Amino acid sequence: MLQPYLKGECVMAVKADTSMTIRMNREVKQQAQQIFTDLGMDMTTAINVFLRQAIRYKGFPFEVTLQTPNTVTLAAMDAAEHDKDMHGPFDSVSSLMDALNT
């Protein structure tokens, strides 16, 4: 029997031969279950879809990134990379304090 998965693809249904136990936040589980129910599947089917896609992509089936710095931080990083708005080194504490107070 063929079962539809993502993007109209079909794979052969395979009888489960193992089980897995995972721990997760109760609220996350409830929210995910509601979404999967709305999509017409249970949690087991959803997790199997995720795992099959991870196998297919040989990694996460979506982009996993760190948060991007805000615009102020990005501007400071760009200035530092291009030696703009750089101060120092200072020959004395007095010259450092003068630069800080300007």
PDB file of N, CA and C in Angstrom:
ATOM      1  N   MET A   1       0.844  -1.182   0.000  1.00  0.00           N
ATOM      2  CA  MET A   1       0.000   0.000   0.000  1.00  0.00           C
ATOM      3  C   MET A   1       0.882   1.235   0.000  1.00  0.00           C
ATOM      4  N   LEU A   2       0.594   2.207  -0.862  1.00  0.00           N
ATOM      5  CA  LEU A   2       1.353   3.450  -0.917  1.00  0.00           C
ATOM      6  C   LEU A   2       0.685   4.493  -0.043  1.00  0.00           C
ATOM      7  N   GLN A   3       1.516   5.260   0.673  1.00  0.00           N
ATOM      8  CA  GLN A   3       0.986   6.343   1.494  1.00  0.00           C
ATOM      9  C   GLN A   3       1.620   7.649   1.048  1.00  0.00           C
ATOM     10  N   PRO A   4       0.829   8.723   0.901  1.00  0.00           N
ATOM     11  CA  PRO A   4       1.394  10.001   0.468  1.00  0.00           C
ATOM     12  C   PRO A   4       2.202  10.648   1.585  1.00  0.00           C
ATOM     13  N   TYR A   5       3.316  11.263   1.206  1.00  0.00           N
ATOM     14  CA  TYR A   5       4.113  12.044   2.145  1.00  0.00           C
ATOM     15  C   TYR A   5       4.253  13.443   1.576  1.00  0.00           C
ATOM     16  N   LEU A   6       5.320  14.127   1.817  1.00  0.00           N
ATOM     17  CA  LEU A   6       5.502  15.513   1.410  1.00  0.00           C
ATOM     18  C   LEU A   6       5.623  15.652  -0.105  1.00  0.00           C
ATOM     19  N   LYS A   7       5.104  16.740  -0.638  1.00  0.00           N
ATOM     20  CA  LYS A   7       5.249  17.124  -2.038  1.00  0.00           C
ATOM     21  C   LYS A   7       4.778  16.048  -3.007  1.00  0.00           C
ATOM     22  N   GLY A   8       3.725  15.342  -2.654  1.00  0.00           N
ATOM     23  CA  GLY A   8       3.150  14.375  -3.568  1.00  0.00           C
ATOM     24  C   GLY A   8       3.954  13.106  -3.756  1.00  0.00           C
ATOM     25  N   GLU A   9       4.996  12.917  -2.982  1.00  0.00           N
ATOM     26  CA  GLU A   9       5.800  11.709  -3.121  1.00  0.00           C
ATOM     27  C   GLU A   9       5.105  10.549  -2.424  1.00  0.00           C
ATOM     28  N   CYS A  10       5.359   9.358  -2.895  1.00  0.00           N
ATOM     29  CA  CYS A  10       4.792   8.167  -2.276  1.00  0.00           C
ATOM     30  C   CYS A  10       5.916   7.208  -1.915  1.00  0.00           C
ATOM     31  N   VAL A  11       5.758   6.557  -0.784  1.00  0.00           N
ATOM     32  CA  VAL A  11       6.711   5.527  -0.371  1.00  0.00           C
ATOM     33  C   VAL A  11       5.914   4.324   0.081  1.00  0.00           C
ATOM     34  N   MET A  12       6.541   3.182   0.063  1.00  0.00           N
ATOM     35  CA  MET A  12       5.868   1.973   0.515  1.00  0.00           C
ATOM     36  C   MET A  12       5.685   2.026   2.023  1.00  0.00           C
ATOM     37  N   ALA A  13       4.503   1.683   2.489  1.00  0.00           N
ATOM     38  CA  ALA A  13       4.261   1.597   3.927  1.00  0.00           C
ATOM     39  C   ALA A  13       5.028   0.397   4.461  1.00  0.00           C
ATOM     40  N   VAL A  14       5.721   0.610   5.562  1.00  0.00           N
ATOM     41  CA  VAL A  14       6.527  -0.451   6.152  1.00  0.00           C
ATOM     42  C   VAL A  14       6.028  -0.701   7.561  1.00  0.00           C
ATOM     43  N   LYS A  15       5.871  -1.971   7.910  1.00  0.00           N
ATOM     44  CA  LYS A  15       5.431  -2.321   9.257  1.00  0.00           C
ATOM     45  C   LYS A  15       6.514  -1.908  10.250  1.00  0.00           C
ATOM     46  N   ALA A  16       6.109  -1.239  11.321  1.00  0.00           N
ATOM     47  CA  ALA A  16       7.068  -0.796  12.337  1.00  0.00           C
ATOM     48  C   ALA A  16       7.685  -2.010  13.019  1.00  0.00           C
ATOM     49  N   ASP A  17       8.997  -1.979  13.176  1.00  0.00           N
ATOM     50  CA  ASP A  17       9.665  -3.088  13.844  1.00  0.00           C
ATOM     51  C   ASP A  17      10.443  -2.637  15.078  1.00  0.00           C
ATOM     52  N   THR A  18      10.274  -1.363  15.464  1.00  0.00           N
ATOM     53  CA  THR A  18      10.921  -0.864  16.669  1.00  0.00           C
ATOM     54  C   THR A  18      10.109   0.300  17.213  1.00  0.00           C
ATOM     55  N   SER A  19      10.387   0.669  18.430  1.00  0.00           N
ATOM     56  CA  SER A  19       9.710   1.821  19.023  1.00  0.00           C
ATOM     57  C   SER A  19      10.758   2.753  19.611  1.00  0.00           C
ATOM     58  N   MET A  20      10.332   3.962  19.939  1.00  0.00           N
ATOM     59  CA  MET A  20      11.238   4.965  20.460  1.00  0.00           C
ATOM     60  C   MET A  20      10.497   5.751  21.544  1.00  0.00           C
ATOM     61  N   THR A  21      11.173   6.066  22.610  1.00  0.00           N
ATOM     62  CA  THR A  21      10.600   6.882  23.676  1.00  0.00           C
ATOM     63  C   THR A  21      11.379   8.185  23.734  1.00  0.00           C
ATOM     64  N   ILE A  22      10.667   9.299  23.700  1.00  0.00           N
ATOM     65  CA  ILE A  22      11.326  10.599  23.800  1.00  0.00           C
ATOM     66  C   ILE A  22      10.642  11.426  24.877  1.00  0.00           C
ATOM     67  N   ARG A  23      11.383  12.370  25.438  1.00  0.00           N
ATOM     68  CA  ARG A  23      10.840  13.279  26.447  1.00  0.00           C
ATOM     69  C   ARG A  23      10.738  14.658  25.819  1.00  0.00           C
ATOM     70  N   MET A  24       9.642  15.358  26.111  1.00  0.00           N
ATOM     71  CA  MET A  24       9.456  16.707  25.595  1.00  0.00           C
ATOM     72  C   MET A  24       8.545  17.492  26.519  1.00  0.00           C
ATOM     73  N   ASN A  25       8.553  18.763  26.349  1.00  0.00           N
ATOM     74  CA  ASN A  25       7.697  19.656  27.099  1.00  0.00           C
ATOM     75  C   ASN A  25       6.232  19.344  26.766  1.00  0.00           C
ATOM     76  N   ARG A  26       5.394  19.263  27.788  1.00  0.00           N
ATOM     77  CA  ARG A  26       3.983  18.902  27.607  1.00  0.00           C
ATOM     78  C   ARG A  26       3.264  19.869  26.653  1.00  0.00           C
ATOM     79  N   GLU A  27       3.499  21.158  26.829  1.00  0.00           N
ATOM     80  CA  GLU A  27       2.814  22.145  25.981  1.00  0.00           C
ATOM     81  C   GLU A  27       3.253  22.022  24.521  1.00  0.00           C
ATOM     82  N   VAL A  28       4.537  21.794  24.302  1.00  0.00           N
ATOM     83  CA  VAL A  28       5.040  21.599  22.935  1.00  0.00           C
ATOM     84  C   VAL A  28       4.361  20.393  22.310  1.00  0.00           C
ATOM     85  N   LYS A  29       4.259  19.312  23.066  1.00  0.00           N
ATOM     86  CA  LYS A  29       3.607  18.099  22.558  1.00  0.00           C
ATOM     87  C   LYS A  29       2.157  18.371  22.194  1.00  0.00           C
ATOM     88  N   GLN A  30       1.427  19.048  23.064  1.00  0.00           N
ATOM     89  CA  GLN A  30       0.012  19.320  22.806  1.00  0.00           C
ATOM     90  C   GLN A  30      -0.172  20.205  21.576  1.00  0.00           C
ATOM     91  N   GLN A  31       0.666  21.228  21.451  1.00  0.00           N
ATOM     92  CA  GLN A  31       0.557  22.114  20.289  1.00  0.00           C
ATOM     93  C   GLN A  31       0.882  21.377  18.997  1.00  0.00           C
ATOM     94  N   ALA A  32       1.925  20.552  19.041  1.00  0.00           N
ATOM     95  CA  ALA A  32       2.304  19.780  17.857  1.00  0.00           C
ATOM     96  C   ALA A  32       1.210  18.780  17.490  1.00  0.00           C
ATOM     97  N   GLN A  33       0.657  18.089  18.496  1.00  0.00           N
ATOM     98  CA  GLN A  33      -0.407  17.119  18.228  1.00  0.00           C
ATOM     99  C   GLN A  33      -1.593  17.794  17.549  1.00  0.00           C
ATOM    100  N   GLN A  34      -1.942  19.002  17.973  1.00  0.00           N
ATOM    101  CA  GLN A  34      -3.077  19.706  17.370  1.00  0.00           C
ATOM    102  C   GLN A  34      -2.791  20.017  15.900  1.00  0.00           C
ATOM    103  N   ILE A  35      -1.585  20.473  15.613  1.00  0.00           N
ATOM    104  CA  ILE A  35      -1.218  20.769  14.223  1.00  0.00           C
ATOM    105  C   ILE A  35      -1.272  19.509  13.378  1.00  0.00           C
ATOM    106  N   PHE A  36      -0.708  18.412  13.893  1.00  0.00           N
ATOM    107  CA  PHE A  36      -0.695  17.170  13.124  1.00  0.00           C
ATOM    108  C   PHE A  36      -2.103  16.613  12.947  1.00  0.00           C
ATOM    109  N   THR A  37      -2.948  16.746  13.962  1.00  0.00           N
ATOM    110  CA  THR A  37      -4.348  16.329  13.838  1.00  0.00           C
ATOM    111  C   THR A  37      -5.033  17.123  12.735  1.00  0.00           C
ATOM    112  N   ASP A  38      -4.789  18.442  12.714  1.00  0.00           N
ATOM    113  CA  ASP A  38      -5.366  19.290  11.665  1.00  0.00           C
ATOM    114  C   ASP A  38      -4.888  18.875  10.283  1.00  0.00           C
ATOM    115  N   LEU A  39      -3.667  18.309  10.213  1.00  0.00           N
ATOM    116  CA  LEU A  39      -3.121  17.827   8.946  1.00  0.00           C
ATOM    117  C   LEU A  39      -3.545  16.395   8.632  1.00  0.00           C
ATOM    118  N   GLY A  40      -4.296  15.783   9.552  1.00  0.00           N
ATOM    119  CA  GLY A  40      -4.807  14.436   9.320  1.00  0.00           C
ATOM    120  C   GLY A  40      -3.836  13.325   9.662  1.00  0.00           C
ATOM    121  N   MET A  41      -2.934  13.575  10.593  1.00  0.00           N
ATOM    122  CA  MET A  41      -1.989  12.522  10.974  1.00  0.00           C
ATOM    123  C   MET A  41      -1.757  12.551  12.474  1.00  0.00           C
ATOM    124  N   ASP A  42      -1.221  11.465  12.980  1.00  0.00           N
ATOM    125  CA  ASP A  42      -0.887  11.408  14.401  1.00  0.00           C
ATOM    126  C   ASP A  42       0.593  11.750  14.592  1.00  0.00           C
ATOM    127  N   MET A  43       1.010  11.814  15.847  1.00  0.00           N
ATOM    128  CA  MET A  43       2.391  12.176  16.167  1.00  0.00           C
ATOM    129  C   MET A  43       3.387  11.184  15.580  1.00  0.00           C
ATOM    130  N   THR A  44       3.066   9.897  15.638  1.00  0.00           N
ATOM    131  CA  THR A  44       3.970   8.874  15.102  1.00  0.00           C
ATOM    132  C   THR A  44       4.207   9.079  13.616  1.00  0.00           C
ATOM    133  N   THR A  45       3.151   9.332  12.862  1.00  0.00           N
ATOM    134  CA  THR A  45       3.284   9.563  11.426  1.00  0.00           C
ATOM    135  C   THR A  45       4.110  10.811  11.162  1.00  0.00           C
ATOM    136  N   ALA A  46       3.852  11.878  11.916  1.00  0.00           N
ATOM    137  CA  ALA A  46       4.590  13.129  11.734  1.00  0.00           C
ATOM    138  C   ALA A  46       6.078  12.933  12.005  1.00  0.00           C
ATOM    139  N   ILE A  47       6.411  12.224  13.063  1.00  0.00           N
ATOM    140  CA  ILE A  47       7.821  11.986  13.386  1.00  0.00           C
ATOM    141  C   ILE A  47       8.467  11.122  12.314  1.00  0.00           C
ATOM    142  N   ASN A  48       7.743  10.116  11.818  1.00  0.00           N
ATOM    143  CA  ASN A  48       8.282   9.288  10.737  1.00  0.00           C
ATOM    144  C   ASN A  48       8.507  10.101   9.467  1.00  0.00           C
ATOM    145  N   VAL A  49       7.620  11.039   9.155  1.00  0.00           N
ATOM    146  CA  VAL A  49       7.809  11.916   7.996  1.00  0.00           C
ATOM    147  C   VAL A  49       9.087  12.729   8.195  1.00  0.00           C
ATOM    148  N   PHE A  50       9.249  13.314   9.393  1.00  0.00           N
ATOM    149  CA  PHE A  50      10.455  14.091   9.685  1.00  0.00           C
ATOM    150  C   PHE A  50      11.711  13.246   9.513  1.00  0.00           C
ATOM    151  N   LEU A  51      11.720  12.047  10.088  1.00  0.00           N
ATOM    152  CA  LEU A  51      12.907  11.190  10.017  1.00  0.00           C
ATOM    153  C   LEU A  51      13.223  10.780   8.586  1.00  0.00           C
ATOM    154  N   ARG A  52      12.199  10.464   7.802  1.00  0.00           N
ATOM    155  CA  ARG A  52      12.428  10.084   6.404  1.00  0.00           C
ATOM    156  C   ARG A  52      12.989  11.264   5.607  1.00  0.00           C
ATOM    157  N   GLN A  53      12.496  12.452   5.884  1.00  0.00           N
ATOM    158  CA  GLN A  53      13.027  13.638   5.195  1.00  0.00           C
ATOM    159  C   GLN A  53      14.469  13.915   5.625  1.00  0.00           C
ATOM    160  N   ALA A  54      14.779  13.707   6.908  1.00  0.00           N
ATOM    161  CA  ALA A  54      16.149  13.882   7.386  1.00  0.00           C
ATOM    162  C   ALA A  54      17.085  12.909   6.670  1.00  0.00           C
ATOM    163  N   ILE A  55      16.632  11.685   6.467  1.00  0.00           N
ATOM    164  CA  ILE A  55      17.425  10.692   5.736  1.00  0.00           C
ATOM    165  C   ILE A  55      17.613  11.152   4.292  1.00  0.00           C
ATOM    166  N   ARG A  56      16.550  11.599   3.684  1.00  0.00           N
ATOM    167  CA  ARG A  56      16.606  12.035   2.286  1.00  0.00           C
ATOM    168  C   ARG A  56      17.568  13.197   2.093  1.00  0.00           C
ATOM    169  N   TYR A  57      17.514  14.192   3.016  1.00  0.00           N
ATOM    170  CA  TYR A  57      18.369  15.379   2.914  1.00  0.00           C
ATOM    171  C   TYR A  57      19.740  15.179   3.559  1.00  0.00           C
ATOM    172  N   LYS A  58      19.927  14.049   4.221  1.00  0.00           N
ATOM    173  CA  LYS A  58      21.165  13.764   4.949  1.00  0.00           C
ATOM    174  C   LYS A  58      21.460  14.864   5.976  1.00  0.00           C
ATOM    175  N   GLY A  59      20.422  15.272   6.653  1.00  0.00           N
ATOM    176  CA  GLY A  59      20.504  16.320   7.669  1.00  0.00           C
ATOM    177  C   GLY A  59      19.099  16.797   7.984  1.00  0.00           C
ATOM    178  N   PHE A  60      19.015  17.907   8.670  1.00  0.00           N
ATOM    179  CA  PHE A  60      17.695  18.461   8.951  1.00  0.00           C
ATOM    180  C   PHE A  60      17.010  18.835   7.647  1.00  0.00           C
ATOM    181  N   PRO A  61      15.712  18.576   7.531  1.00  0.00           N
ATOM    182  CA  PRO A  61      15.003  18.914   6.298  1.00  0.00           C
ATOM    183  C   PRO A  61      14.552  20.382   6.274  1.00  0.00           C
ATOM    184  N   PHE A  62      15.223  21.206   7.055  1.00  0.00           N
ATOM    185  CA  PHE A  62      14.956  22.641   7.089  1.00  0.00           C
ATOM    186  C   PHE A  62      16.224  23.318   7.582  1.00  0.00           C
ATOM    187  N   GLU A  63      16.300  24.623   7.393  1.00  0.00           N
ATOM    188  CA  GLU A  63      17.497  25.361   7.781  1.00  0.00           C
ATOM    189  C   GLU A  63      17.571  25.507   9.297  1.00  0.00           C
ATOM    190  N   VAL A  64      18.726  25.216   9.850  1.00  0.00           N
ATOM    191  CA  VAL A  64      18.969  25.378  11.284  1.00  0.00           C
ATOM    192  C   VAL A  64      20.065  26.419  11.420  1.00  0.00           C
ATOM    193  N   THR A  65      19.738  27.562  12.010  1.00  0.00           N
ATOM    194  CA  THR A  65      20.706  28.654  12.106  1.00  0.00           C
ATOM    195  C   THR A  65      20.679  29.273  13.494  1.00  0.00           C
ATOM    196  N   LEU A  66      21.716  29.997  13.794  1.00  0.00           N
ATOM    197  CA  LEU A  66      21.748  30.813  14.998  1.00  0.00           C
ATOM    198  C   LEU A  66      21.060  32.129  14.692  1.00  0.00           C
ATOM    199  N   GLN A  67      20.638  32.823  15.727  1.00  0.00           N
ATOM    200  CA  GLN A  67      19.988  34.115  15.503  1.00  0.00           C
ATOM    201  C   GLN A  67      20.962  35.092  14.863  1.00  0.00           C
ATOM    202  N   THR A  68      20.453  35.898  13.948  1.00  0.00           N
ATOM    203  CA  THR A  68      21.248  36.923  13.298  1.00  0.00           C
ATOM    204  C   THR A  68      21.372  38.118  14.227  1.00  0.00           C
ATOM    205  N   PRO A  69      22.567  38.683  14.357  1.00  0.00           N
ATOM    206  CA  PRO A  69      22.714  39.881  15.196  1.00  0.00           C
ATOM    207  C   PRO A  69      21.830  41.021  14.683  1.00  0.00           C
ATOM    208  N   ASN A  70      21.464  41.939  15.583  1.00  0.00           N
ATOM    209  CA  ASN A  70      20.626  43.067  15.170  1.00  0.00           C
ATOM    210  C   ASN A  70      21.435  44.032  14.296  1.00  0.00           C
ATOM    211  N   THR A  71      20.766  45.032  13.737  1.00  0.00           N
ATOM    212  CA  THR A  71      21.403  45.936  12.778  1.00  0.00           C
ATOM    213  C   THR A  71      22.539  46.743  13.394  1.00  0.00           C
ATOM    214  N   VAL A  72      22.426  47.136  14.644  1.00  0.00           N
ATOM    215  CA  VAL A  72      23.495  47.895  15.305  1.00  0.00           C
ATOM    216  C   VAL A  72      24.751  47.035  15.424  1.00  0.00           C
ATOM    217  N   THR A  73      24.570  45.789  15.847  1.00  0.00           N
ATOM    218  CA  THR A  73      25.708  44.878  15.979  1.00  0.00           C
ATOM    219  C   THR A  73      26.327  44.580  14.620  1.00  0.00           C
ATOM    220  N   LEU A  74      25.487  44.338  13.610  1.00  0.00           N
ATOM    221  CA  LEU A  74      25.999  44.081  12.267  1.00  0.00           C
ATOM    222  C   LEU A  74      26.800  45.265  11.745  1.00  0.00           C
ATOM    223  N   ALA A  75      26.315  46.487  11.996  1.00  0.00           N
ATOM    224  CA  ALA A  75      27.037  47.685  11.557  1.00  0.00           C
ATOM    225  C   ALA A  75      28.385  47.791  12.262  1.00  0.00           C
ATOM    226  N   ALA A  76      28.422  47.500  13.563  1.00  0.00           N
ATOM    227  CA  ALA A  76      29.671  47.549  14.318  1.00  0.00           C
ATOM    228  C   ALA A  76      30.652  46.493  13.807  1.00  0.00           C
ATOM    229  N   MET A  77      30.146  45.303  13.491  1.00  0.00           N
ATOM    230  CA  MET A  77      31.003  44.241  12.969  1.00  0.00           C
ATOM    231  C   MET A  77      31.585  44.641  11.609  1.00  0.00           C
ATOM    232  N   ASP A  78      30.740  45.233  10.765  1.00  0.00           N
ATOM    233  CA  ASP A  78      31.194  45.674   9.443  1.00  0.00           C
ATOM    234  C   ASP A  78      32.251  46.757   9.572  1.00  0.00           C
ATOM    235  N   ALA A  79      32.022  47.733  10.472  1.00  0.00           N
ATOM    236  CA  ALA A  79      33.002  48.803  10.682  1.00  0.00           C
ATOM    237  C   ALA A  79      34.331  48.234  11.156  1.00  0.00           C
ATOM    238  N   ALA A  80      34.287  47.275  12.072  1.00  0.00           N
ATOM    239  CA  ALA A  80      35.525  46.681  12.590  1.00  0.00           C
ATOM    240  C   ALA A  80      36.264  45.926  11.494  1.00  0.00           C
ATOM    241  N   GLU A  81      35.528  45.219  10.632  1.00  0.00           N
ATOM    242  CA  GLU A  81      36.164  44.471   9.546  1.00  0.00           C
ATOM    243  C   GLU A  81      36.839  45.387   8.542  1.00  0.00           C
ATOM    244  N   HIS A  82      36.320  46.634   8.415  1.00  0.00           N
ATOM    245  CA  HIS A  82      36.863  47.581   7.445  1.00  0.00           C
ATOM    246  C   HIS A  82      37.680  48.687   8.115  1.00  0.00           C
ATOM    247  N   ASP A  83      38.085  48.444   9.363  1.00  0.00           N
ATOM    248  CA  ASP A  83      38.893  49.409  10.125  1.00  0.00           C
ATOM    249  C   ASP A  83      38.289  50.805  10.149  1.00  0.00           C
ATOM    250  N   LYS A  84      36.979  50.904  10.252  1.00  0.00           N
ATOM    251  CA  LYS A  84      36.299  52.187  10.357  1.00  0.00           C
ATOM    252  C   LYS A  84      35.916  52.420  11.809  1.00  0.00           C
ATOM    253  N   ASP A  85      35.906  53.674  12.213  1.00  0.00           N
ATOM    254  CA  ASP A  85      35.511  54.065  13.572  1.00  0.00           C
ATOM    255  C   ASP A  85      36.306  53.311  14.639  1.00  0.00           C
ATOM    256  N   MET A  86      37.546  53.023  14.328  1.00  0.00           N
ATOM    257  CA  MET A  86      38.399  52.331  15.285  1.00  0.00           C
ATOM    258  C   MET A  86      39.213  53.359  16.062  1.00  0.00           C
ATOM    259  N   HIS A  87      39.454  53.105  17.321  1.00  0.00           N
ATOM    260  CA  HIS A  87      40.215  54.014  18.170  1.00  0.00           C
ATOM    261  C   HIS A  87      41.309  53.226  18.875  1.00  0.00           C
ATOM    262  N   GLY A  88      42.435  53.888  19.091  1.00  0.00           N
ATOM    263  CA  GLY A  88      43.521  53.250  19.808  1.00  0.00           C
ATOM    264  C   GLY A  88      44.511  52.637  18.851  1.00  0.00           C
ATOM    265  N   PRO A  89      45.561  52.032  19.313  1.00  0.00           N
ATOM    266  CA  PRO A  89      45.871  51.893  20.738  1.00  0.00           C
ATOM    267  C   PRO A  89      46.258  53.239  21.350  1.00  0.00           C
ATOM    268  N   PHE A  90      46.140  53.301  22.626  1.00  0.00           N
ATOM    269  CA  PHE A  90      46.403  54.531  23.357  1.00  0.00           C
ATOM    270  C   PHE A  90      47.728  54.426  24.099  1.00  0.00           C
ATOM    271  N   ASP A  91      48.444  55.558  24.121  1.00  0.00           N
ATOM    272  CA  ASP A  91      49.751  55.600  24.780  1.00  0.00           C
ATOM    273  C   ASP A  91      49.636  55.789  26.278  1.00  0.00           C
ATOM    274  N   SER A  92      48.459  56.280  26.718  1.00  0.00           N
ATOM    275  CA  SER A  92      48.307  56.534  28.151  1.00  0.00           C
ATOM    276  C   SER A  92      46.838  56.459  28.519  1.00  0.00           C
ATOM    277  N   VAL A  93      46.580  56.350  29.804  1.00  0.00           N
ATOM    278  CA  VAL A  93      45.198  56.353  30.295  1.00  0.00           C
ATOM    279  C   VAL A  93      44.566  57.697  29.985  1.00  0.00           C
ATOM    280  N   SER A  94      45.347  58.734  30.052  1.00  0.00           N
ATOM    281  CA  SER A  94      44.851  60.073  29.777  1.00  0.00           C
ATOM    282  C   SER A  94      44.327  60.188  28.343  1.00  0.00           C
ATOM    283  N   SER A  95      45.074  59.656  27.361  1.00  0.00           N
ATOM    284  CA  SER A  95      44.619  59.722  25.978  1.00  0.00           C
ATOM    285  C   SER A  95      43.398  58.828  25.759  1.00  0.00           C
ATOM    286  N   LEU A  96      43.328  57.708  26.469  1.00  0.00           N
ATOM    287  CA  LEU A  96      42.135  56.852  26.403  1.00  0.00           C
ATOM    288  C   LEU A  96      40.928  57.607  26.933  1.00  0.00           C
ATOM    289  N   MET A  97      41.075  58.244  28.080  1.00  0.00           N
ATOM    290  CA  MET A  97      39.964  58.982  28.685  1.00  0.00           C
ATOM    291  C   MET A  97      39.528  60.145  27.797  1.00  0.00           C
ATOM    292  N   ASP A  98      40.469  60.812  27.163  1.00  0.00           N
ATOM    293  CA  ASP A  98      40.133  61.893  26.237  1.00  0.00           C
ATOM    294  C   ASP A  98      39.273  61.367  25.088  1.00  0.00           C
ATOM    295  N   ALA A  99      39.640  60.204  24.546  1.00  0.00           N
ATOM    296  CA  ALA A  99      38.859  59.615  23.443  1.00  0.00           C
ATOM    297  C   ALA A  99      37.479  59.194  23.907  1.00  0.00           C
ATOM    298  N   LEU A 100      37.371  58.661  25.107  1.00  0.00           N
ATOM    299  CA  LEU A 100      36.066  58.239  25.637  1.00  0.00           C
ATOM    300  C   LEU A 100      35.146  59.413  25.897  1.00  0.00           C
ATOM    301  N   ASN A 101      35.705  60.527  26.256  1.00  0.00           N
ATOM    302  CA  ASN A 101      34.905  61.704  26.616  1.00  0.00           C
ATOM    303  C   ASN A 101      34.567  62.587  25.423  1.00  0.00           C
ATOM    304  N   THR A 102      35.016  62.223  24.224  1.00  0.00           N
ATOM    305  CA  THR A 102      34.695  63.057  23.052  1.00  0.00           C
ATOM    306  C   THR A 102      33.466  62.593  22.363  1.00  0.00           C
TER     307      THR A 102
END
